[in-house]
Amino acid sequence: MSVPNLLTPGRIGGLQTPNRLMMAPMTRSRALAGGVPSELAIEYYAQRASAGVISTEGVAPNAVGLGYSEIERPTPQGWR
């Protein structure tokens, strides 16, 4: 059986990927109040965008679920 190289193109469902690398979601705490991505968060993901597939950081649907108090309430509009 042949094993594909990580740097060869891949496919996830209907999405063609440039390679088989994936950056896992991490909570970087770079959002502004209300969960809106900051300029720093935008720069962070832009710098990594060519590396492969990126699963962006998680958000809490309610402030009670946060382990920290920097974010009051996630704002899905900021991630669009």
Protein backbone atom coordinates (compact mmCIF):
# COMPACT_ATOMS: atom_id res chain seq x y z
CA MET A 1 0.00 0.00 0.00
CA SER A 2 1.29 3.46 -0.92
CA VAL A 3 1.19 6.22 1.69
CA PRO A 4 0.72 9.79 0.30
CA ASN A 5 3.30 12.42 1.09
CA LEU A 6 2.08 15.25 3.38
CA LEU A 7 3.16 17.85 0.83
CA THR A 8 1.15 16.41 -2.06
CA PRO A 9 -2.32 17.78 -2.95
CA GLY A 10 -5.26 16.30 -1.10
CA ARG A 11 -9.03 16.43 -0.92
CA ILE A 12 -11.51 16.92 1.92
CA GLY A 13 -14.93 16.16 0.51
CA GLY A 14 -15.31 18.55 -2.44
CA LEU A 15 -12.43 20.80 -1.32
CA GLN A 16 -9.11 20.43 -3.14
CA THR A 17 -6.19 21.22 -0.83
CA PRO A 18 -2.63 22.23 -1.79
CA ASN A 19 -1.23 19.67 0.67
CA ARG A 20 -2.32 17.34 3.46
CA LEU A 21 -1.39 19.60 6.36
CA MET A 22 -4.00 21.00 8.74
CA MET A 23 -3.60 23.56 11.49
CA ALA A 24 -5.76 22.52 14.42
CA PRO A 25 -8.02 25.03 16.18
CA MET A 26 -6.38 26.87 19.07
CA THR A 27 -7.75 29.54 21.35
CA ARG A 28 -5.35 32.44 20.88
CA SER A 29 -7.50 34.97 22.77
CA ARG A 30 -7.02 37.55 20.03
CA ALA A 31 -10.64 38.61 19.74
CA LEU A 32 -12.03 41.98 20.75
CA ALA A 33 -14.91 42.47 23.16
CA GLY A 34 -17.93 40.62 21.85
CA GLY A 35 -15.78 37.95 20.17
CA VAL A 36 -15.05 39.98 17.02
CA PRO A 37 -11.66 39.09 15.47
CA SER A 38 -9.02 41.76 16.04
CA GLU A 39 -6.54 43.02 13.44
CA LEU A 40 -3.96 40.83 15.21
CA ALA A 41 -6.16 37.74 14.71
CA ILE A 42 -6.64 38.59 11.03
CA GLU A 43 -2.87 39.01 10.59
CA TYR A 44 -2.22 35.73 12.47
CA TYR A 45 -4.42 33.68 10.13
CA ALA A 46 -3.32 35.55 6.99
CA GLN A 47 0.30 34.68 7.79
CA ARG A 48 -0.62 30.99 7.94
CA ALA A 49 -3.17 30.83 5.13
CA SER A 50 -0.81 29.38 2.53
CA ALA A 51 0.39 26.56 4.80
CA GLY A 52 -2.66 24.34 4.33
CA VAL A 53 -6.15 23.96 5.79
CA ILE A 54 -6.79 26.06 8.89
CA SER A 55 -9.52 25.31 11.40
CA THR A 56 -9.94 28.63 13.20
CA GLU A 57 -10.15 28.98 16.95
CA GLY A 58 -13.18 27.95 18.90
CA VAL A 59 -15.77 30.31 20.27
CA ALA A 60 -18.01 29.96 23.30
CA PRO A 61 -21.75 30.23 22.62
CA ASN A 62 -22.15 31.77 26.07
CA ALA A 63 -19.78 33.79 28.27
CA VAL A 64 -20.38 31.30 31.09
CA GLY A 65 -18.51 28.71 29.01
CA LEU A 66 -15.34 30.79 28.82
CA GLY A 67 -12.39 29.99 31.03
CA TYR A 68 -11.37 33.64 30.88
CA SER A 69 -13.25 36.91 30.97
CA GLU A 70 -11.80 38.88 28.01
CA ILE A 71 -14.75 38.05 25.75
CA GLU A 72 -18.31 38.91 26.72
CA ARG A 73 -20.26 37.23 23.90
CA PRO A 74 -19.11 35.72 20.61
CA THR A 75 -20.15 37.64 17.50
CA PRO A 76 -20.51 35.35 14.46
CA GLN A 77 -20.72 38.38 12.11
CA GLY A 78 -17.09 39.21 12.89
CA TRP A 79 -15.97 35.82 11.53
CA ARG A 80 -17.70 36.18 8.17
